[in-house]
Amino acid sequence: MAMLATTAAASNLPNRTQMSNRELEASDASVMHPSSNLQEKRLAIVLPAYNEAITIRGTIENFHAAAPDAAIYVVDNNSSDATRSIASQVFSENRIKGGVIAEPRQGKGNAVRRAFLDIDADIYVLADADLTYPAERIHDLVKPVIEGEADMVVGDRRSGGHYASGNKRRFHNFGNSMVQTLVNRLFHSRLVDIMSGYRALSRAFVKTYPILVAGFQIETDMTLHALHQRMRVKEIEIEYRDRPAGSVSKLNTLSDGARVVSTIAQILRFYRPLAFFTALSALFAIAGFLVAIPVFSDWLDTGYIEHVPSAVLAAALEIVAFSLLGVGLVLDSVAYHERRKSELHYLASTMSRREAG
């Protein structure tokens, strides 16, 4: 696997007043070029692929040229074309470390889960196999992870306008903006590209990340996990190119639009249960109050209730409202304890990695 590195601690540098000119020059060069002090790291490049026969060869070759010491893994996600055979041929012809992993269960989330289960590395790079991401930028993404500055580095396609100009599907830009706004407000973050598929991940992140999603929500879910666990996330602006001619996207505007709405609801339900159920409770409480207006009017005018069905419905709506509020309080407590357990798991993983390294 890949041979990469991590910087020596600044505290280990000798006192400059006790160093010769040659030692000073060497020290300055070390600061300017931290890669000279890096320890060896194993780098794994993960390429989920579903019917990418047109682009898989170019993707593998590009990443191999950019990081020749890295191990590259193509996760064939039940392709019906020649993706798997072409990938195997490229590995054999170029003697590239890694290989093809089969994952018959459809969905990018399933493919990434299989890769994280089967592959052991110090740093993981996740990218699409459709030639849309620049392989030559891999070192820019990996560097903050190597130097301990980030647990996840995201290739930002949007800041430079590359995604908006390269991606012809307008709804996807709109959906990205909706999810980005919600996530940033909930987690008080300033992320730009929540759904980018080009990421560098630390071993601690990968080994403490439970993948529960099956499809293209995986990128959003990874971002939420990192923010929820207070991991360090860094974005680096990259170029983005649309698919080459003949290569067809697997995304669908209508179904993906429904997924965006579902993702927003899931974000609130899982990560902010109190806010989610309080909002539902408020809706039912308001509906119950509106239905009860004729009932209150009867009682104030005559002292009797003539709209009995309305009274029963209003009472039922208010009961549901209070029940939802109770559910929100309980789930908020459960979520807090789950965060504590996850934090302990992350700390244990980090300590074991330091002891091993």
Protein backbone atom coordinates (compact mmCIF):
# COMPACT_ATOMS: atom_id res chain seq x y z
CA MET A 1 0.00 0.00 0.00
CA ALA A 2 0.97 3.67 -0.23
CA MET A 3 4.03 5.14 1.36
CA LEU A 4 3.12 8.54 2.71
CA ALA A 5 4.01 10.42 5.93
CA THR A 6 3.38 12.65 8.96
CA THR A 7 5.29 15.61 10.35
CA ALA A 8 7.59 15.50 13.34
CA ALA A 9 6.42 17.46 16.36
CA ALA A 10 7.71 21.00 16.64
CA SER A 11 8.78 20.37 20.20
CA ASN A 12 11.44 17.95 18.94
CA LEU A 13 13.27 20.68 17.01
CA PRO A 14 16.56 21.76 18.67
CA ASN A 15 17.08 25.29 20.02
CA ARG A 16 18.07 27.54 17.10
CA THR A 17 20.74 29.32 19.17
CA GLN A 18 22.59 26.01 19.57
CA MET A 19 22.54 25.08 15.87
CA SER A 20 25.14 25.60 13.17
CA ASN A 21 24.31 27.39 9.90
CA ARG A 22 24.03 24.04 8.09
CA GLU A 23 21.68 22.75 10.80
CA LEU A 24 19.62 25.95 10.58
CA GLU A 25 19.28 25.54 6.82
CA ALA A 26 18.23 21.92 7.25
CA SER A 27 15.73 22.94 9.91
CA ASP A 28 14.24 25.68 7.72
CA ALA A 29 13.98 23.26 4.80
CA SER A 30 12.19 20.79 7.06
CA VAL A 31 9.64 23.44 8.05
CA MET A 32 9.12 24.53 4.45
CA HIS A 33 8.81 20.95 3.22
CA PRO A 34 7.07 18.95 5.94
CA SER A 35 6.88 15.93 3.67
CA SER A 36 10.60 15.39 4.26
CA ASN A 37 9.83 14.41 7.87
CA LEU A 38 6.83 12.19 7.16
CA GLN A 39 6.59 8.64 8.37
CA GLU A 40 5.42 5.92 6.04
CA LYS A 41 1.66 5.58 5.70
CA ARG A 42 -0.49 3.10 3.84
CA LEU A 43 -2.82 4.80 1.38
CA ALA A 44 -5.89 3.09 -0.07
CA ILE A 45 -7.87 4.62 -2.94
CA VAL A 46 -11.46 3.38 -3.04
CA LEU A 47 -13.43 3.65 -6.31
CA PRO A 48 -17.06 2.48 -6.09
CA ALA A 49 -18.18 1.59 -9.61
CA TYR A 50 -21.51 0.66 -11.16
CA ASN A 51 -21.57 0.28 -14.96
CA GLU A 52 -18.51 2.48 -15.52
CA ALA A 53 -16.95 0.49 -18.39
CA ILE A 54 -16.26 3.69 -20.35
CA THR A 55 -14.41 5.52 -17.57
CA ILE A 56 -12.98 2.88 -15.23
CA ARG A 57 -9.70 2.41 -17.12
CA GLY A 58 -8.93 6.11 -17.23
CA THR A 59 -9.86 6.57 -13.57
CA ILE A 60 -7.55 3.79 -12.37
CA GLU A 61 -4.66 4.90 -14.56
CA ASN A 62 -5.01 8.54 -13.51
CA PHE A 63 -4.94 7.72 -9.80
CA HIS A 64 -2.05 5.29 -10.28
CA ALA A 65 -0.07 7.98 -12.08
CA ALA A 66 -0.80 10.48 -9.31
CA ALA A 67 -0.04 8.06 -6.44
CA PRO A 68 1.95 5.10 -7.79
CA ASP A 69 2.61 3.62 -4.33
CA ALA A 70 -1.05 3.62 -3.31
CA ALA A 71 -3.26 0.55 -3.37
CA ILE A 72 -6.31 1.10 -5.57
CA TYR A 73 -9.53 -0.81 -5.01
CA VAL A 74 -12.45 -0.85 -7.43
CA VAL A 75 -15.66 -1.90 -5.68
CA ASP A 76 -17.80 -3.42 -8.41
CA ASN A 77 -21.36 -2.71 -7.31
CA ASN A 78 -23.12 -5.44 -9.31
CA SER A 79 -22.30 -3.94 -12.72
CA SER A 80 -24.02 -5.42 -15.75
CA ASP A 81 -21.40 -4.19 -18.24
CA ALA A 82 -17.66 -4.89 -18.55
CA THR A 83 -16.59 -2.71 -15.61
CA ARG A 84 -15.17 -5.59 -13.59
CA SER A 85 -13.25 -7.27 -16.41
CA ILE A 86 -11.77 -3.98 -17.64
CA ALA A 87 -10.69 -3.03 -14.12
CA SER A 88 -9.08 -6.43 -13.58
CA GLN A 89 -7.24 -6.09 -16.90
CA VAL A 90 -5.88 -2.64 -15.95
CA PHE A 91 -4.59 -3.96 -12.62
CA SER A 92 -2.87 -6.86 -14.36
CA GLU A 93 -1.35 -4.81 -17.19
CA ASN A 94 0.07 -2.09 -14.93
CA ARG A 95 0.87 -4.26 -11.88
CA ILE A 96 -1.12 -1.94 -9.65
CA LYS A 97 -1.51 -2.83 -6.00
CA GLY A 98 -5.06 -3.48 -4.90
CA GLY A 99 -7.72 -5.10 -7.02
CA VAL A 100 -11.44 -5.52 -7.58
CA ILE A 101 -13.85 -6.09 -4.69
CA ALA A 102 -17.35 -7.41 -5.44
CA GLU A 103 -20.39 -6.01 -3.64
CA PRO A 104 -23.64 -7.45 -5.08
CA ARG A 105 -25.95 -5.29 -2.98
CA GLN A 106 -26.86 -2.24 -5.01
CA GLY A 107 -26.05 1.22 -3.71
CA LYS A 108 -22.97 3.36 -3.19
CA GLY A 109 -23.34 3.15 0.58
CA ASN A 110 -23.15 -0.64 0.39
CA ALA A 111 -20.06 -0.41 -1.83
CA VAL A 112 -18.25 1.95 0.55
CA ARG A 113 -19.21 -0.21 3.52
CA ARG A 114 -17.71 -3.28 1.85
CA ALA A 115 -14.49 -1.39 1.12
CA PHE A 116 -14.13 -0.10 4.69
CA LEU A 117 -14.71 -3.62 6.03
CA ASP A 118 -12.23 -5.35 3.71
CA ILE A 119 -9.44 -2.78 3.38
CA ASP A 120 -6.90 -2.01 6.08
CA ALA A 121 -5.00 1.25 5.62
CA ASP A 122 -3.83 4.35 7.46
CA ILE A 123 -5.46 6.82 5.07
CA TYR A 124 -8.40 6.25 2.73
CA VAL A 125 -9.26 8.27 -0.36
CA LEU A 126 -12.79 7.95 -1.72
CA ALA A 127 -13.58 9.02 -5.29
CA ASP A 128 -16.04 8.26 -8.08
CA ALA A 129 -14.99 6.12 -11.03
CA ASP A 130 -16.40 8.46 -13.70
CA LEU A 131 -13.41 10.76 -14.41
CA THR A 132 -15.13 13.77 -12.86
CA TYR A 133 -12.60 14.29 -10.05
CA PRO A 134 -8.94 15.33 -10.63
CA ALA A 135 -6.68 12.48 -9.53
CA GLU A 136 -3.67 14.81 -9.48
CA ARG A 137 -5.15 16.65 -6.48
CA ILE A 138 -4.97 13.58 -4.25
CA HIS A 139 -1.88 14.82 -2.42
CA ASP A 140 -3.62 18.09 -1.54
CA LEU A 141 -6.45 16.11 0.05
CA VAL A 142 -4.22 13.64 1.87
CA LYS A 143 -1.75 16.16 3.31
CA PRO A 144 -4.00 17.61 6.10
CA VAL A 145 -4.83 14.05 7.24
CA ILE A 146 -1.16 13.06 7.28
CA GLU A 147 -0.19 16.14 9.26
CA GLY A 148 -2.95 15.59 11.81
CA GLU A 149 -4.91 18.69 10.83
CA ALA A 150 -8.12 16.92 9.80
CA ASP A 151 -9.99 13.64 10.13
CA MET A 152 -11.80 14.21 6.84
CA VAL A 153 -10.76 16.39 3.90
CA VAL A 154 -13.42 17.14 1.29
CA GLY A 155 -12.79 18.14 -2.30
CA ASP A 156 -14.88 21.30 -2.69
CA ARG A 157 -16.36 21.45 -6.21
CA ARG A 158 -18.58 24.47 -5.62
CA SER A 159 -16.43 27.37 -4.42
CA GLY A 160 -14.76 27.89 -7.78
CA GLY A 161 -18.00 27.42 -9.71
CA HIS A 162 -16.72 24.19 -11.27
CA TYR A 163 -19.68 22.07 -10.20
CA ALA A 164 -22.30 24.58 -11.29
CA SER A 165 -20.75 24.88 -14.76
CA GLY A 166 -19.84 21.22 -15.20
CA ASN A 167 -23.03 19.69 -13.82
CA LYS A 168 -25.96 20.11 -16.18
CA ARG A 169 -28.59 18.97 -13.64
CA ARG A 170 -29.91 22.17 -12.06
CA PHE A 171 -31.97 20.41 -9.41
CA HIS A 172 -28.87 18.77 -7.98
CA ASN A 173 -27.30 22.20 -7.42
CA PHE A 174 -30.52 23.31 -5.69
CA GLY A 175 -30.64 20.15 -3.57
CA ASN A 176 -27.01 20.57 -2.56
CA SER A 177 -27.73 24.13 -1.42
CA MET A 178 -30.74 23.05 0.65
CA VAL A 179 -28.84 20.32 2.48
CA GLN A 180 -25.79 22.57 2.92
CA THR A 181 -27.85 25.33 4.52
CA LEU A 182 -29.62 22.96 6.91
CA VAL A 183 -26.45 21.15 7.99
CA ASN A 184 -24.52 24.37 8.55
CA ARG A 185 -27.30 25.84 10.67
CA LEU A 186 -27.78 22.71 12.76
CA PHE A 187 -24.09 22.11 13.42
CA HIS A 188 -22.87 25.73 13.31
CA SER A 189 -20.44 24.87 10.52
CA ARG A 190 -19.39 26.63 7.31
CA LEU A 191 -19.11 23.76 4.85
CA VAL A 192 -19.58 24.47 1.16
CA ASP A 193 -19.82 21.07 -0.55
CA ILE A 194 -21.71 18.61 1.64
CA MET A 195 -22.20 16.02 -1.12
CA SER A 196 -18.76 15.85 -2.71
CA GLY A 197 -17.63 12.32 -3.48
CA TYR A 198 -13.89 13.11 -3.36
CA ARG A 199 -12.62 12.72 0.21
CA ALA A 200 -9.56 11.76 2.23
CA LEU A 201 -10.32 10.01 5.52
CA SER A 202 -8.24 9.10 8.53
CA ARG A 203 -8.19 5.56 9.86
CA ALA A 204 -9.83 6.75 13.09
CA PHE A 205 -12.75 8.13 11.08
CA VAL A 206 -13.22 5.00 8.97
CA LYS A 207 -13.02 2.56 11.87
CA THR A 208 -15.51 4.50 14.03
CA TYR A 209 -18.03 5.27 11.28
CA PRO A 210 -21.10 3.00 11.18
CA ILE A 211 -22.46 2.99 7.62
CA LEU A 212 -26.23 2.61 7.85
CA VAL A 213 -27.19 4.15 4.50
CA ALA A 214 -27.25 2.15 1.27
CA GLY A 215 -27.31 4.68 -1.54
CA PHE A 216 -25.97 8.05 -2.66
CA GLN A 217 -26.76 9.59 0.73
CA ILE A 218 -23.39 8.24 1.88
CA GLU A 219 -21.53 11.55 1.37
CA THR A 220 -24.07 13.53 3.39
CA ASP A 221 -24.07 10.84 6.07
CA MET A 222 -20.26 10.93 6.31
CA THR A 223 -20.33 14.69 6.77
CA LEU A 224 -23.01 14.44 9.45
CA HIS A 225 -21.06 11.77 11.31
CA ALA A 226 -17.91 13.91 11.31
CA LEU A 227 -19.75 17.00 12.54
CA HIS A 228 -21.79 15.07 15.09
CA GLN A 229 -18.63 13.50 16.55
CA ARG A 230 -16.85 16.88 16.47
CA MET A 231 -14.16 15.57 14.13
CA ARG A 232 -12.03 18.00 12.19
CA VAL A 233 -13.31 18.62 8.67
CA LYS A 234 -11.42 20.61 6.07
CA GLU A 235 -12.44 21.55 2.53
CA ILE A 236 -10.02 22.08 -0.35
CA GLU A 237 -11.19 23.64 -3.60
CA ILE A 238 -10.83 21.29 -6.56
CA GLU A 239 -11.78 21.24 -10.21
CA TYR A 240 -14.81 19.28 -11.38
CA ARG A 241 -15.52 17.97 -14.86
CA ASP A 242 -18.76 16.60 -16.25
CA ARG A 243 -18.80 12.98 -17.40
CA PRO A 244 -17.19 12.27 -20.77
CA ALA A 245 -19.38 11.56 -23.80
CA GLY A 246 -21.05 8.18 -23.63
CA SER A 247 -20.87 7.94 -19.85
CA VAL A 248 -24.32 8.10 -18.25
CA SER A 249 -25.04 9.30 -14.71
CA LYS A 250 -26.95 6.92 -12.41
CA LEU A 251 -28.75 9.83 -10.73
CA ASN A 252 -32.40 10.69 -11.44
CA THR A 253 -33.83 14.16 -10.82
CA LEU A 254 -37.20 13.08 -9.43
CA SER A 255 -36.03 10.20 -7.26
CA ASP A 256 -33.02 12.16 -6.06
CA GLY A 257 -35.29 15.11 -5.27
CA ALA A 258 -37.31 12.84 -3.03
CA ARG A 259 -34.07 11.64 -1.44
CA VAL A 260 -33.03 15.22 -0.72
CA VAL A 261 -36.30 15.86 1.11
CA SER A 262 -35.96 12.55 2.93
CA THR A 263 -32.36 13.35 3.85
CA ILE A 264 -33.38 16.67 5.38
CA ALA A 265 -36.08 14.95 7.45
CA GLN A 266 -33.65 12.23 8.53
CA ILE A 267 -31.05 14.79 9.57
CA LEU A 268 -33.54 16.42 11.90
CA ARG A 269 -34.99 13.14 13.20
CA PHE A 270 -31.69 11.42 13.96
CA TYR A 271 -29.39 14.30 14.91
CA ARG A 272 -31.84 16.80 16.41
CA PRO A 273 -34.78 14.65 17.66
CA LEU A 274 -36.01 17.23 20.15
CA ALA A 275 -36.26 19.93 17.46
CA PHE A 276 -37.88 17.51 14.99
CA PHE A 277 -40.56 16.20 17.35
CA THR A 278 -41.15 19.60 18.92
CA ALA A 279 -41.92 20.96 15.45
CA LEU A 280 -44.35 18.09 14.80
CA SER A 281 -45.88 18.60 18.22
CA ALA A 282 -46.42 22.28 17.49
CA LEU A 283 -48.17 21.46 14.20
CA PHE A 284 -50.60 19.08 15.91
CA ALA A 285 -51.16 21.53 18.79
CA ILE A 286 -52.01 24.34 16.36
CA ALA A 287 -54.31 22.04 14.37
CA GLY A 288 -56.06 20.98 17.58
CA PHE A 289 -56.52 24.61 18.62
CA LEU A 290 -58.04 25.55 15.25
CA VAL A 291 -60.46 22.62 15.38
CA ALA A 292 -61.41 23.60 18.94
CA ILE A 293 -62.38 27.20 18.08
CA PRO A 294 -66.10 26.31 17.40
CA VAL A 295 -66.10 24.24 20.62
CA PHE A 296 -64.85 27.19 22.69
CA SER A 297 -67.39 29.42 20.97
CA ASP A 298 -70.25 27.07 21.92
CA TRP A 299 -69.16 26.89 25.53
CA LEU A 300 -68.72 30.66 25.88
CA ASP A 301 -72.08 31.45 24.26
CA THR A 302 -74.34 28.78 25.74
CA GLY A 303 -72.34 26.89 28.33
CA TYR A 304 -72.84 23.71 26.29
CA ILE A 305 -70.82 21.99 23.58
CA GLU A 306 -72.77 21.35 20.39
CA HIS A 307 -69.80 20.45 18.16
CA VAL A 308 -69.01 17.18 19.93
CA PRO A 309 -67.07 15.58 17.04
CA SER A 310 -64.90 18.68 16.84
CA ALA A 311 -64.27 18.52 20.57
CA VAL A 312 -63.21 14.87 20.33
CA LEU A 313 -60.94 15.57 17.35
CA ALA A 314 -59.37 18.60 19.05
CA ALA A 315 -58.68 16.58 22.19
CA ALA A 316 -57.12 13.77 20.12
CA LEU A 317 -54.88 16.21 18.26
CA GLU A 318 -53.68 17.77 21.51
CA ILE A 319 -52.97 14.34 22.99
CA VAL A 320 -50.87 13.49 19.92
CA ALA A 321 -49.06 16.82 20.28
CA PHE A 322 -48.09 16.13 23.88
CA SER A 323 -47.13 12.55 23.01
CA LEU A 324 -44.80 13.76 20.26
CA LEU A 325 -43.19 16.22 22.66
CA GLY A 326 -42.60 13.39 25.11
CA VAL A 327 -41.07 11.24 22.37
CA GLY A 328 -38.74 14.09 21.45
CA LEU A 329 -37.56 14.48 25.05
CA VAL A 330 -36.90 10.75 25.41
CA LEU A 331 -35.05 10.45 22.09
CA ASP A 332 -32.99 13.55 22.85
CA SER A 333 -31.81 11.86 26.05
CA VAL A 334 -31.05 8.64 24.14
CA ALA A 335 -29.14 10.61 21.48
CA TYR A 336 -27.05 12.27 24.19
CA HIS A 337 -26.02 8.94 25.70
CA GLU A 338 -25.24 7.57 22.22
CA ARG A 339 -22.97 10.55 21.61
CA ARG A 340 -21.15 9.76 24.83
CA LYS A 341 -20.62 6.14 23.78
CA SER A 342 -19.46 7.18 20.31
CA GLU A 343 -17.03 9.71 21.79
CA LEU A 344 -15.50 7.04 24.03
CA HIS A 345 -15.21 4.68 21.04
CA TYR A 346 -13.49 7.37 18.98
CA LEU A 347 -11.07 8.20 21.79
CA ALA A 348 -10.22 4.52 22.27
CA SER A 349 -9.60 4.12 18.54
CA THR A 350 -7.38 7.20 18.46
CA MET A 351 -5.32 6.02 21.45
CA SER A 352 -4.84 2.52 20.00
CA ARG A 353 -3.72 4.03 16.69
CA ARG A 354 -1.15 6.23 18.44
CA GLU A 355 0.18 3.34 20.48
CA ALA A 356 0.48 1.18 17.37
CA GLY A 357 2.14 3.94 15.36
